[in-house]
């Protein structure tokens, strides 16, 4: 499979010590192991001389919990995010990282109130409605994530084992909002004209979006890096 330009950008921006954003997902068992978080923090400190941005998707996760019919999605998202934030603090302390060297993305304060984000979200939602491939990719990625969350583990499942009691349209709100946010990070946070999102697995739909595969608009602000 041909490597995306967004992944190529990731290597270039890391070489240039650009800002690193760590993608940390509540409900994903990978991130509840302190050793995995330690690896991510160590990588960030070794490859950037800027403040580390922590994208702990707490508010966005409410969509996932609504989609899997959680009795109290807001509480579920908040409890898992708080638990994960404590894990992050433990990992940072063990790595000798000071709190002032990191910054959590504050969704309610910085993102939801941003005109740039609101405009970007309107654009992404329109693209979702008119572009069949974008819609298909968003739904496919969302379906896998929701099934994993519903079954309490991070793994792809075969089609015949998927639980159909899922509100897919509620679930896609998570990814549409994430894509919109990532496209305007440079307009909200300082020193993010070029930045790298570090995650534990590939996210093809995000790579394709930033490569302009859906709308022929290249978005070189984002570099992507999968931490093996």
Protein backbone atom coordinates (compact mmCIF):
# COMPACT_ATOMS: atom_id res chain seq x y z
CA UNK A 1 0.00 0.00 0.00
CA UNK A 2 1.34 3.43 -0.98
CA UNK A 3 2.39 5.57 1.95
CA UNK A 4 0.28 8.68 2.43
CA UNK A 5 1.76 12.15 2.18
CA UNK A 6 0.47 12.81 5.70
CA UNK A 7 2.67 9.99 7.04
CA UNK A 8 5.63 11.31 5.04
CA UNK A 9 4.97 14.73 6.58
CA UNK A 10 5.04 13.11 10.00
CA UNK A 11 8.64 11.99 9.55
CA UNK A 12 9.70 15.38 8.22
CA UNK A 13 8.05 17.31 11.05
CA UNK A 14 9.56 14.99 13.64
CA UNK A 15 13.01 15.63 12.19
CA UNK A 16 12.31 19.36 12.53
CA UNK A 17 11.18 18.99 16.16
CA UNK A 18 7.67 20.29 15.51
CA UNK A 19 4.86 20.17 18.08
CA UNK A 20 3.61 16.68 18.91
CA UNK A 21 0.03 15.85 19.81
CA UNK A 22 -0.61 12.52 21.50
CA UNK A 23 -3.95 10.95 20.61
CA UNK A 24 -5.32 9.29 23.76
CA UNK A 25 -8.71 7.57 23.57
CA UNK A 26 -10.85 6.74 26.63
CA UNK A 27 -12.42 3.30 26.28
CA UNK A 28 -9.42 1.96 24.34
CA UNK A 29 -7.63 -0.59 26.50
CA UNK A 30 -4.25 0.23 24.92
CA UNK A 31 -4.06 3.51 26.80
CA UNK A 32 -4.83 2.11 30.23
CA UNK A 33 -1.45 0.37 30.35
CA UNK A 34 1.02 2.78 31.89
CA UNK A 35 3.89 1.29 29.91
CA UNK A 36 2.18 2.23 26.65
CA UNK A 37 1.67 5.80 27.82
CA UNK A 38 5.27 5.96 29.01
CA UNK A 39 6.44 4.94 25.55
CA UNK A 40 4.35 7.70 23.97
CA UNK A 41 5.58 10.38 26.37
CA UNK A 42 9.20 9.34 26.00
CA UNK A 43 8.86 9.45 22.22
CA UNK A 44 7.33 12.93 22.37
CA UNK A 45 10.05 14.38 24.60
CA UNK A 46 12.78 12.89 22.41
CA UNK A 47 11.33 14.20 19.15
CA UNK A 48 10.04 17.67 19.96
CA UNK A 49 11.27 20.68 21.90
CA UNK A 50 7.76 22.16 22.07
CA UNK A 51 5.00 21.68 24.63
CA UNK A 52 3.29 18.28 24.21
CA UNK A 53 -0.41 18.52 23.39
CA UNK A 54 -2.58 15.78 24.89
CA UNK A 55 -5.74 15.07 22.91
CA UNK A 56 -7.75 13.08 25.44
CA UNK A 57 -11.04 12.77 23.63
CA UNK A 58 -13.30 13.00 26.67
CA UNK A 59 -16.12 15.20 25.29
CA UNK A 60 -16.07 13.46 21.93
CA UNK A 61 -16.38 10.08 23.64
CA UNK A 62 -19.89 10.97 24.73
CA UNK A 63 -20.99 10.28 21.15
CA UNK A 64 -19.55 6.77 21.36
CA UNK A 65 -21.31 5.98 24.61
CA UNK A 66 -24.60 7.27 23.26
CA UNK A 67 -24.08 5.17 20.14
CA UNK A 68 -23.68 1.95 22.14
CA UNK A 69 -26.72 2.79 24.27
CA UNK A 70 -24.91 3.59 27.50
CA UNK A 71 -27.37 4.44 30.28
CA UNK A 72 -25.44 7.58 31.16
CA UNK A 73 -23.06 8.48 28.30
CA UNK A 74 -21.84 11.72 29.88
CA UNK A 75 -20.93 9.94 33.11
CA UNK A 76 -19.29 7.03 31.27
CA UNK A 77 -17.17 9.40 29.18
CA UNK A 78 -16.22 11.50 32.19
CA UNK A 79 -15.28 8.54 34.40
CA UNK A 80 -13.15 6.89 31.73
CA UNK A 81 -11.46 10.18 30.89
CA UNK A 82 -10.66 10.88 34.55
CA UNK A 83 -9.25 7.39 34.96
CA UNK A 84 -7.13 7.84 31.87
CA UNK A 85 -5.97 11.30 32.94
CA UNK A 86 -4.70 9.76 36.18
CA UNK A 87 -2.84 7.14 34.13
CA UNK A 88 -1.27 9.93 32.07
CA UNK A 89 -0.14 11.72 35.21
CA UNK A 90 1.41 8.50 36.50
CA UNK A 91 3.22 7.93 33.20
CA UNK A 92 4.48 11.51 33.02
CA UNK A 93 5.74 11.38 36.61
CA UNK A 94 7.62 8.14 35.95
CA UNK A 95 9.19 9.72 32.84
CA UNK A 96 10.22 12.86 34.74
CA UNK A 97 7.94 15.10 32.67
CA UNK A 98 6.70 18.25 34.37
CA UNK A 99 3.07 19.33 34.03
CA UNK A 100 4.10 22.63 32.46
CA UNK A 101 5.65 20.69 29.57
CA UNK A 102 2.25 19.37 28.53
CA UNK A 103 -1.17 20.80 27.75
CA UNK A 104 -4.49 18.98 27.60
CA UNK A 105 -6.79 19.98 24.75
CA UNK A 106 -9.72 21.71 26.44
CA UNK A 107 -12.64 20.95 24.13
CA UNK A 108 -15.29 23.06 25.84
CA UNK A 109 -13.08 26.10 26.34
CA UNK A 110 -10.93 26.18 23.20
CA UNK A 111 -12.58 24.12 20.47
CA UNK A 112 -16.38 24.35 20.63
CA UNK A 113 -16.18 28.14 20.91
CA UNK A 114 -13.81 28.55 17.95
CA UNK A 115 -15.26 30.00 14.75
CA UNK A 116 -12.55 28.20 12.79
CA UNK A 117 -13.66 24.88 14.22
CA UNK A 118 -17.35 25.56 13.64
CA UNK A 119 -16.68 26.42 10.00
CA UNK A 120 -14.48 23.35 9.57
CA UNK A 121 -17.13 21.10 11.10
CA UNK A 122 -19.79 22.46 8.76
CA UNK A 123 -17.50 21.71 5.83
CA UNK A 124 -16.70 18.18 7.01
CA UNK A 125 -20.37 17.38 7.61
CA UNK A 126 -21.25 18.65 4.13
CA UNK A 127 -18.49 16.51 2.62
CA UNK A 128 -19.87 13.52 4.52
CA UNK A 129 -23.28 14.09 2.95
CA UNK A 130 -22.12 14.55 -0.65
CA UNK A 131 -19.06 12.29 -0.94
CA UNK A 132 -19.97 8.60 -0.94
CA UNK A 133 -16.40 7.36 -0.35
CA UNK A 134 -15.83 9.70 2.60
CA UNK A 135 -19.13 8.59 4.10
CA UNK A 136 -18.28 4.93 3.59
CA UNK A 137 -14.83 5.32 5.17
CA UNK A 138 -16.15 7.30 8.14
CA UNK A 139 -18.90 4.76 8.78
CA UNK A 140 -16.56 1.78 8.44
CA UNK A 141 -14.02 3.20 10.89
CA UNK A 142 -16.79 4.18 13.31
CA UNK A 143 -18.45 0.77 13.16
CA UNK A 144 -15.23 -1.00 14.14
CA UNK A 145 -14.55 1.40 16.99
CA UNK A 146 -18.06 1.08 18.40
CA UNK A 147 -18.06 -2.70 18.24
CA UNK A 148 -14.71 -2.74 20.05
CA UNK A 149 -16.04 -0.40 22.72
CA UNK A 150 -19.25 -2.36 23.14
CA UNK A 151 -17.35 -5.61 23.54
CA UNK A 152 -14.82 -4.10 25.93
CA UNK A 153 -11.68 -4.60 23.88
CA UNK A 154 -9.74 -3.04 21.00
CA UNK A 155 -9.83 -5.49 18.14
CA UNK A 156 -11.39 -5.86 14.73
CA UNK A 157 -14.26 -8.31 14.63
CA UNK A 158 -15.69 -10.29 11.72
CA UNK A 159 -18.87 -9.00 10.10
CA UNK A 160 -21.06 -11.80 11.44
CA UNK A 161 -20.05 -11.03 15.03
CA UNK A 162 -20.88 -7.34 14.93
CA UNK A 163 -23.58 -6.23 17.30
CA UNK A 164 -26.24 -4.33 15.37
CA UNK A 165 -27.61 -2.54 18.45
CA UNK A 166 -25.50 0.51 17.65
CA UNK A 167 -26.54 4.02 16.59
CA UNK A 168 -24.04 4.52 13.78
CA UNK A 169 -25.12 8.05 12.89
CA UNK A 170 -24.57 9.15 16.49
CA UNK A 171 -21.18 7.46 16.45
CA UNK A 172 -19.93 9.17 13.29
CA UNK A 173 -20.25 12.53 15.06
CA UNK A 174 -17.09 11.62 16.99
CA UNK A 175 -14.93 11.16 13.92
CA UNK A 176 -16.41 14.07 11.96
CA UNK A 177 -15.66 16.39 14.87
CA UNK A 178 -12.17 14.95 15.26
CA UNK A 179 -11.36 15.50 11.58
CA UNK A 180 -12.67 19.07 11.73
CA UNK A 181 -10.65 19.82 14.86
CA UNK A 182 -7.40 18.42 13.47
CA UNK A 183 -7.74 20.63 10.40
CA UNK A 184 -7.79 23.83 12.50
CA UNK A 185 -5.32 23.04 15.28
CA UNK A 186 -2.88 25.54 13.77
CA UNK A 187 -5.51 28.29 14.12
CA UNK A 188 -6.21 27.55 17.78
CA UNK A 189 -2.86 26.60 19.33
CA UNK A 190 0.51 28.28 19.01
CA UNK A 191 3.44 26.69 17.18
CA UNK A 192 1.21 24.24 15.33
CA UNK A 193 1.65 25.45 11.75
CA UNK A 194 3.14 21.98 11.32
CA UNK A 195 2.41 19.35 13.96
CA UNK A 196 2.46 15.57 14.36
CA UNK A 197 -0.33 13.40 15.72
CA UNK A 198 1.17 10.29 17.32
CA UNK A 199 -1.16 7.32 17.70
CA UNK A 200 -0.80 3.59 18.26
CA UNK A 201 -2.31 2.48 14.94
CA UNK A 202 -3.00 3.89 11.50
CA UNK A 203 -6.08 6.01 10.80
CA UNK A 204 -6.53 5.76 7.02
CA UNK A 205 -9.62 7.98 6.79
CA UNK A 206 -7.79 10.86 8.47
CA UNK A 207 -4.73 10.36 6.27
CA UNK A 208 -6.91 10.41 3.14
CA UNK A 209 -8.73 13.52 4.25
CA UNK A 210 -5.52 15.45 4.87
CA UNK A 211 -4.04 14.18 1.61
CA UNK A 212 -7.07 15.62 -0.20
CA UNK A 213 -8.33 12.27 -1.51
CA UNK A 214 -11.96 13.22 -0.97
CA UNK A 215 -12.03 16.85 -2.11
CA UNK A 216 -8.66 17.56 -3.80
CA UNK A 217 -7.66 19.93 -0.99
CA UNK A 218 -4.24 19.14 0.48
CA UNK A 219 -3.84 20.00 4.17
CA UNK A 220 -0.11 19.84 4.99
CA UNK A 221 -0.41 21.19 8.56
CA UNK A 222 -0.81 17.65 9.93
CA UNK A 223 1.82 14.94 9.99
CA UNK A 224 0.86 11.50 11.23
CA UNK A 225 3.06 8.94 12.97
CA UNK A 226 2.20 5.45 14.15
CA UNK A 227 4.15 4.50 17.26
CA UNK A 228 5.03 0.83 16.85
